[in-house]
Amino acid sequence: MLETWIEDFSDRMNEAYKDMHLIDAKGVFEADDEVGEVFTQLKDITEQLSKL
């Protein structure tokens, strides 16, 4: 049950990260200090979850 939840959560994080990249096609937000930090955090979380 926990494993399924982690997989589902990881999938949702991946989708959110992809959606953010689609919205920010020009990279303006990702290059911004504060917003770029959110992109980085989402990417890091997604990578960590994929290792579980």
Protein backbone atom coordinates (compact mmCIF):
# COMPACT_ATOMS: atom_id res chain seq x y z
CA MET A 1 0.00 0.00 0.00
CA LEU A 2 2.78 2.47 0.87
CA GLU A 3 4.69 1.44 -2.25
CA THR A 4 1.64 2.14 -4.41
CA TRP A 5 1.18 5.53 -2.77
CA ILE A 6 4.82 6.42 -3.40
CA GLU A 7 4.56 5.36 -7.05
CA ASP A 8 1.37 7.39 -7.51
CA PHE A 9 2.89 10.41 -5.79
CA SER A 10 6.03 10.13 -7.91
CA ASP A 11 3.91 9.99 -11.07
CA ARG A 12 2.00 13.10 -10.01
CA MET A 13 5.25 14.93 -9.28
CA ASN A 14 6.60 13.96 -12.70
CA GLU A 15 3.44 15.24 -14.37
CA ALA A 16 3.57 18.50 -12.42
CA TYR A 17 7.21 18.98 -13.42
CA LYS A 18 6.41 18.30 -17.09
CA ASP A 19 3.44 20.67 -16.98
CA MET A 20 5.59 23.41 -15.49
CA HIS A 21 8.06 23.00 -18.34
CA LEU A 22 5.25 23.20 -20.89
CA ILE A 23 3.90 26.36 -19.30
CA ASP A 24 7.40 27.84 -19.19
CA ALA A 25 8.38 27.01 -22.78
CA LYS A 26 10.75 29.99 -22.98
CA GLY A 27 12.48 29.15 -19.70
CA VAL A 28 11.70 32.55 -18.19
CA PHE A 29 10.27 31.20 -14.95
CA GLU A 30 12.85 28.45 -14.56
CA ALA A 31 15.64 31.00 -14.92
CA ASP A 32 14.10 33.19 -12.20
CA ASP A 33 15.78 32.75 -8.82
CA GLU A 34 12.70 32.02 -6.71
CA VAL A 35 10.62 30.16 -9.29
CA GLY A 36 13.68 28.35 -10.61
CA GLU A 37 14.22 27.02 -7.10
CA VAL A 38 10.76 25.42 -7.23
CA PHE A 39 11.63 23.75 -10.54
CA THR A 40 14.83 22.41 -9.01
CA GLN A 41 13.06 21.15 -5.89
CA LEU A 42 10.40 19.34 -7.94
CA LYS A 43 13.08 17.73 -10.07
CA ASP A 44 15.07 16.63 -7.00
CA ILE A 45 11.98 15.20 -5.28
CA THR A 46 11.00 13.32 -8.42
CA GLU A 47 14.48 11.84 -8.78
CA GLN A 48 14.58 10.78 -5.12
CA LEU A 49 11.17 9.13 -5.34
CA SER A 50 12.16 7.20 -8.45
CA LYS A 51 14.99 5.58 -6.44
CA LEU A 52 12.57 4.07 -3.90
